N, C-alpha and C. Protein backbone atom coordinates (compact mmCIF):
# COMPACT_ATOMS: atom_id res chain seq x y z
N MET A 1 0.85 -1.19 0.00
CA MET A 1 0.00 0.00 0.00
C MET A 1 0.89 1.25 0.00
N VAL A 2 0.34 2.31 -0.55
CA VAL A 2 1.01 3.61 -0.57
C VAL A 2 0.16 4.59 0.21
N LYS A 3 0.80 5.30 1.11
CA LYS A 3 0.16 6.40 1.85
C LYS A 3 0.54 7.69 1.14
N HIS A 4 -0.45 8.46 0.76
CA HIS A 4 -0.28 9.74 0.08
C HIS A 4 -0.75 10.82 1.05
N THR A 5 0.18 11.65 1.50
CA THR A 5 -0.14 12.71 2.45
C THR A 5 0.20 14.05 1.84
N VAL A 6 -0.79 14.96 1.83
CA VAL A 6 -0.61 16.27 1.23
C VAL A 6 -1.10 17.32 2.21
N MET A 7 -0.33 18.41 2.34
CA MET A 7 -0.73 19.54 3.16
C MET A 7 -0.81 20.78 2.28
N PHE A 8 -1.80 21.62 2.59
CA PHE A 8 -2.01 22.85 1.83
C PHE A 8 -2.07 24.04 2.78
N ARG A 9 -1.51 25.16 2.34
CA ARG A 9 -1.76 26.47 2.94
C ARG A 9 -2.58 27.24 1.93
N LEU A 10 -3.64 27.87 2.41
CA LEU A 10 -4.51 28.62 1.52
C LEU A 10 -4.35 30.12 1.76
N GLU A 11 -4.49 30.87 0.70
CA GLU A 11 -4.49 32.34 0.80
C GLU A 11 -5.92 32.81 0.67
N ALA A 12 -6.54 33.04 1.81
CA ALA A 12 -7.92 33.53 1.86
C ALA A 12 -8.19 33.96 3.29
N ASP A 13 -9.16 34.85 3.46
CA ASP A 13 -9.50 35.24 4.83
C ASP A 13 -10.15 34.04 5.53
N ALA A 14 -10.27 34.12 6.84
CA ALA A 14 -10.71 32.97 7.65
C ALA A 14 -12.07 32.45 7.21
N GLU A 15 -12.99 33.34 6.89
CA GLU A 15 -14.34 32.91 6.49
C GLU A 15 -14.31 32.16 5.16
N LYS A 16 -13.61 32.71 4.17
CA LYS A 16 -13.50 32.07 2.87
C LYS A 16 -12.76 30.75 2.98
N ARG A 17 -11.67 30.74 3.77
CA ARG A 17 -10.88 29.52 3.94
C ARG A 17 -11.73 28.42 4.56
N ALA A 18 -12.53 28.76 5.56
CA ALA A 18 -13.40 27.76 6.20
C ALA A 18 -14.39 27.18 5.21
N ALA A 19 -14.94 28.00 4.34
CA ALA A 19 -15.90 27.53 3.33
C ALA A 19 -15.20 26.61 2.33
N LEU A 20 -14.00 27.00 1.90
CA LEU A 20 -13.23 26.17 0.96
C LEU A 20 -12.88 24.83 1.58
N GLU A 21 -12.41 24.86 2.82
CA GLU A 21 -12.04 23.62 3.51
C GLU A 21 -13.22 22.67 3.61
N CYS A 22 -14.37 23.21 3.96
CA CYS A 22 -15.57 22.40 4.12
C CYS A 22 -16.00 21.77 2.79
N GLU A 23 -16.03 22.57 1.73
CA GLU A 23 -16.43 22.06 0.42
C GLU A 23 -15.43 21.02 -0.09
N PHE A 24 -14.14 21.31 0.04
CA PHE A 24 -13.10 20.39 -0.41
C PHE A 24 -13.22 19.05 0.33
N LYS A 25 -13.33 19.10 1.65
CA LYS A 25 -13.44 17.88 2.46
C LYS A 25 -14.67 17.07 2.05
N GLU A 26 -15.80 17.73 1.93
CA GLU A 26 -17.04 17.04 1.58
C GLU A 26 -16.92 16.32 0.24
N LYS A 27 -16.38 17.01 -0.76
CA LYS A 27 -16.31 16.44 -2.11
C LYS A 27 -15.23 15.36 -2.22
N ILE A 28 -14.06 15.62 -1.67
CA ILE A 28 -12.96 14.67 -1.88
C ILE A 28 -13.15 13.38 -1.09
N GLU A 29 -13.84 13.45 0.03
CA GLU A 29 -14.07 12.23 0.81
C GLU A 29 -15.12 11.32 0.17
N GLN A 30 -15.76 11.78 -0.90
CA GLN A 30 -16.69 10.95 -1.66
C GLN A 30 -15.97 10.13 -2.74
N LEU A 31 -14.70 10.45 -3.00
CA LEU A 31 -13.99 9.84 -4.12
C LEU A 31 -13.79 8.32 -4.05
N PRO A 32 -13.62 7.69 -2.89
CA PRO A 32 -13.45 6.23 -2.91
C PRO A 32 -14.62 5.50 -3.58
N ALA A 33 -15.79 6.07 -3.55
CA ALA A 33 -16.95 5.46 -4.21
C ALA A 33 -16.90 5.63 -5.73
N MET A 34 -16.06 6.58 -6.21
CA MET A 34 -15.99 6.88 -7.63
C MET A 34 -14.71 6.42 -8.30
N ILE A 35 -13.65 6.24 -7.50
CA ILE A 35 -12.34 5.89 -8.05
C ILE A 35 -11.91 4.55 -7.45
N PRO A 36 -11.98 3.50 -8.22
CA PRO A 36 -11.69 2.16 -7.68
C PRO A 36 -10.29 2.01 -7.09
N GLU A 37 -9.33 2.75 -7.62
CA GLU A 37 -7.95 2.65 -7.14
C GLU A 37 -7.75 3.27 -5.75
N LEU A 38 -8.71 4.04 -5.28
CA LEU A 38 -8.58 4.77 -4.02
C LEU A 38 -9.20 3.97 -2.88
N ALA A 39 -8.35 3.42 -2.02
CA ALA A 39 -8.83 2.60 -0.91
C ALA A 39 -9.51 3.44 0.16
N SER A 40 -8.90 4.60 0.50
CA SER A 40 -9.49 5.49 1.50
C SER A 40 -8.88 6.88 1.34
N ILE A 41 -9.61 7.87 1.86
CA ILE A 41 -9.11 9.24 1.85
C ILE A 41 -9.76 9.99 3.00
N HIS A 42 -8.97 10.81 3.67
CA HIS A 42 -9.46 11.61 4.79
C HIS A 42 -8.85 13.00 4.71
N VAL A 43 -9.66 13.98 5.04
CA VAL A 43 -9.20 15.37 5.07
C VAL A 43 -9.47 15.93 6.46
N ASN A 44 -8.47 16.60 7.01
CA ASN A 44 -8.63 17.31 8.27
C ASN A 44 -8.12 18.72 8.10
N THR A 45 -8.63 19.61 8.93
CA THR A 45 -8.24 21.02 8.85
C THR A 45 -7.71 21.49 10.21
N ASP A 46 -6.83 22.46 10.15
CA ASP A 46 -6.23 23.02 11.36
C ASP A 46 -7.31 23.75 12.17
N ASP A 47 -7.26 23.59 13.47
CA ASP A 47 -8.23 24.26 14.34
C ASP A 47 -7.98 25.76 14.46
N GLY A 48 -6.80 26.20 14.05
CA GLY A 48 -6.51 27.63 14.06
C GLY A 48 -6.23 28.21 15.43
N ILE A 49 -5.94 27.35 16.41
CA ILE A 49 -5.71 27.86 17.76
C ILE A 49 -4.24 27.92 18.13
N ALA A 50 -3.38 27.42 17.25
CA ALA A 50 -1.95 27.37 17.57
C ALA A 50 -1.21 28.43 16.76
N ASP A 51 -0.21 28.02 16.06
CA ASP A 51 0.66 28.89 15.28
C ASP A 51 -0.04 29.35 14.01
N PRO A 52 -0.08 30.65 13.74
CA PRO A 52 -0.70 31.11 12.50
C PRO A 52 0.06 30.64 11.25
N GLY A 53 1.27 30.11 11.42
CA GLY A 53 2.03 29.57 10.30
C GLY A 53 1.69 28.12 9.98
N ASN A 54 0.73 27.54 10.71
CA ASN A 54 0.34 26.14 10.47
C ASN A 54 -0.23 25.97 9.07
N TRP A 55 -0.17 24.74 8.59
CA TRP A 55 -0.84 24.37 7.34
C TRP A 55 -2.33 24.32 7.62
N HIS A 56 -3.14 24.56 6.61
CA HIS A 56 -4.59 24.63 6.80
C HIS A 56 -5.31 23.31 6.57
N ILE A 57 -4.84 22.52 5.59
CA ILE A 57 -5.50 21.27 5.24
C ILE A 57 -4.46 20.15 5.19
N VAL A 58 -4.83 18.98 5.71
CA VAL A 58 -4.01 17.79 5.52
C VAL A 58 -4.92 16.69 4.97
N LEU A 59 -4.44 16.06 3.91
CA LEU A 59 -5.16 14.98 3.24
C LEU A 59 -4.30 13.73 3.33
N THR A 60 -4.92 12.63 3.70
CA THR A 60 -4.22 11.34 3.68
C THR A 60 -5.07 10.36 2.89
N ALA A 61 -4.42 9.67 1.96
CA ALA A 61 -5.10 8.70 1.12
C ALA A 61 -4.27 7.43 1.06
N ASP A 62 -4.97 6.30 0.93
CA ASP A 62 -4.32 5.01 0.76
C ASP A 62 -4.70 4.44 -0.59
N VAL A 63 -3.68 3.99 -1.33
CA VAL A 63 -3.87 3.34 -2.62
C VAL A 63 -3.00 2.09 -2.65
N PRO A 64 -3.34 1.12 -3.48
CA PRO A 64 -2.57 -0.14 -3.49
C PRO A 64 -1.11 0.00 -3.93
N ASP A 65 -0.85 0.90 -4.89
CA ASP A 65 0.51 1.03 -5.42
C ASP A 65 0.65 2.37 -6.13
N TYR A 66 1.84 2.64 -6.68
CA TYR A 66 2.09 3.94 -7.31
C TYR A 66 1.34 4.11 -8.63
N GLU A 67 1.02 3.03 -9.31
CA GLU A 67 0.19 3.14 -10.52
C GLU A 67 -1.22 3.60 -10.13
N ALA A 68 -1.74 3.07 -9.04
CA ALA A 68 -3.05 3.50 -8.56
C ALA A 68 -3.02 4.98 -8.14
N LEU A 69 -1.93 5.41 -7.55
CA LEU A 69 -1.79 6.82 -7.17
C LEU A 69 -1.81 7.71 -8.42
N ARG A 70 -1.13 7.27 -9.47
CA ARG A 70 -1.12 8.02 -10.72
C ARG A 70 -2.53 8.12 -11.31
N LEU A 71 -3.26 7.01 -11.29
CA LEU A 71 -4.62 7.00 -11.83
C LEU A 71 -5.55 7.89 -11.01
N TYR A 72 -5.43 7.82 -9.69
CA TYR A 72 -6.22 8.70 -8.80
C TYR A 72 -5.90 10.16 -9.08
N ALA A 73 -4.62 10.49 -9.17
CA ALA A 73 -4.21 11.89 -9.34
C ALA A 73 -4.75 12.50 -10.63
N GLY A 74 -4.86 11.70 -11.67
CA GLY A 74 -5.33 12.21 -12.95
C GLY A 74 -6.82 12.02 -13.21
N HIS A 75 -7.50 11.41 -12.26
CA HIS A 75 -8.93 11.12 -12.44
C HIS A 75 -9.73 12.43 -12.49
N PRO A 76 -10.67 12.54 -13.43
CA PRO A 76 -11.46 13.78 -13.56
C PRO A 76 -12.20 14.19 -12.29
N GLU A 77 -12.69 13.23 -11.52
CA GLU A 77 -13.39 13.59 -10.27
C GLU A 77 -12.42 14.17 -9.25
N HIS A 78 -11.19 13.64 -9.19
CA HIS A 78 -10.18 14.20 -8.31
C HIS A 78 -9.83 15.62 -8.75
N LEU A 79 -9.68 15.82 -10.04
CA LEU A 79 -9.32 17.14 -10.56
C LEU A 79 -10.41 18.17 -10.27
N LYS A 80 -11.67 17.75 -10.25
CA LYS A 80 -12.77 18.65 -9.86
C LYS A 80 -12.61 19.11 -8.41
N CYS A 81 -12.20 18.19 -7.56
CA CYS A 81 -11.99 18.53 -6.14
C CYS A 81 -10.82 19.51 -5.98
N VAL A 82 -9.74 19.24 -6.68
CA VAL A 82 -8.58 20.12 -6.62
C VAL A 82 -8.95 21.53 -7.08
N ALA A 83 -9.81 21.62 -8.09
CA ALA A 83 -10.21 22.92 -8.63
C ALA A 83 -10.90 23.80 -7.58
N ILE A 84 -11.48 23.20 -6.56
CA ILE A 84 -12.15 23.96 -5.50
C ILE A 84 -11.15 24.86 -4.78
N ILE A 85 -9.97 24.31 -4.48
CA ILE A 85 -8.99 25.09 -3.69
C ILE A 85 -7.82 25.63 -4.52
N LYS A 86 -7.65 25.15 -5.74
CA LYS A 86 -6.47 25.49 -6.52
C LYS A 86 -6.18 26.99 -6.62
N PRO A 87 -7.17 27.85 -6.87
CA PRO A 87 -6.86 29.28 -6.97
C PRO A 87 -6.36 29.90 -5.65
N TYR A 88 -6.56 29.19 -4.55
CA TYR A 88 -6.21 29.73 -3.23
C TYR A 88 -4.98 29.06 -2.61
N ILE A 89 -4.38 28.09 -3.30
CA ILE A 89 -3.23 27.38 -2.74
C ILE A 89 -2.00 28.30 -2.74
N ALA A 90 -1.49 28.57 -1.55
CA ALA A 90 -0.26 29.36 -1.39
C ALA A 90 0.95 28.45 -1.33
N ALA A 91 0.76 27.24 -0.78
CA ALA A 91 1.86 26.28 -0.66
C ALA A 91 1.27 24.88 -0.56
N ARG A 92 2.06 23.92 -1.05
CA ARG A 92 1.67 22.51 -1.02
C ARG A 92 2.89 21.69 -0.64
N ALA A 93 2.69 20.69 0.21
CA ALA A 93 3.75 19.75 0.57
C ALA A 93 3.17 18.35 0.48
N CYS A 94 3.99 17.41 0.02
CA CYS A 94 3.50 16.04 -0.17
C CYS A 94 4.57 15.03 0.23
N VAL A 95 4.11 13.93 0.83
CA VAL A 95 4.97 12.79 1.12
C VAL A 95 4.19 11.53 0.72
N ASP A 96 4.83 10.68 -0.10
CA ASP A 96 4.27 9.40 -0.49
C ASP A 96 5.23 8.31 -0.01
N TYR A 97 4.66 7.28 0.63
CA TYR A 97 5.52 6.19 1.09
C TYR A 97 4.74 4.89 1.14
N THR A 98 5.47 3.79 1.05
CA THR A 98 4.83 2.48 1.14
C THR A 98 4.76 2.04 2.59
N PHE A 99 3.72 1.28 2.90
CA PHE A 99 3.57 0.76 4.26
C PHE A 99 2.96 -0.62 4.22
């Protein structure tokens, strides 16, 4: 299995960021039902009570292998989800590893 972990920082005021986070989480967590290669996916957001330099969104997904990750990444339904936050992404960090 491959664990795909991505963190995002968004450039938006708190109200807009909260709306984006909610919409992104709702839509992307529906993807395992649409993308057979995606075993699971979870999105969490920073509570905003610690360091203002924290990342805003963390996504973790499990896929069987790197070919499945490639298929998930290019899937049209995944790209629709990315489009929700893409104009607001200030920074992105990713780690992929086998487990």
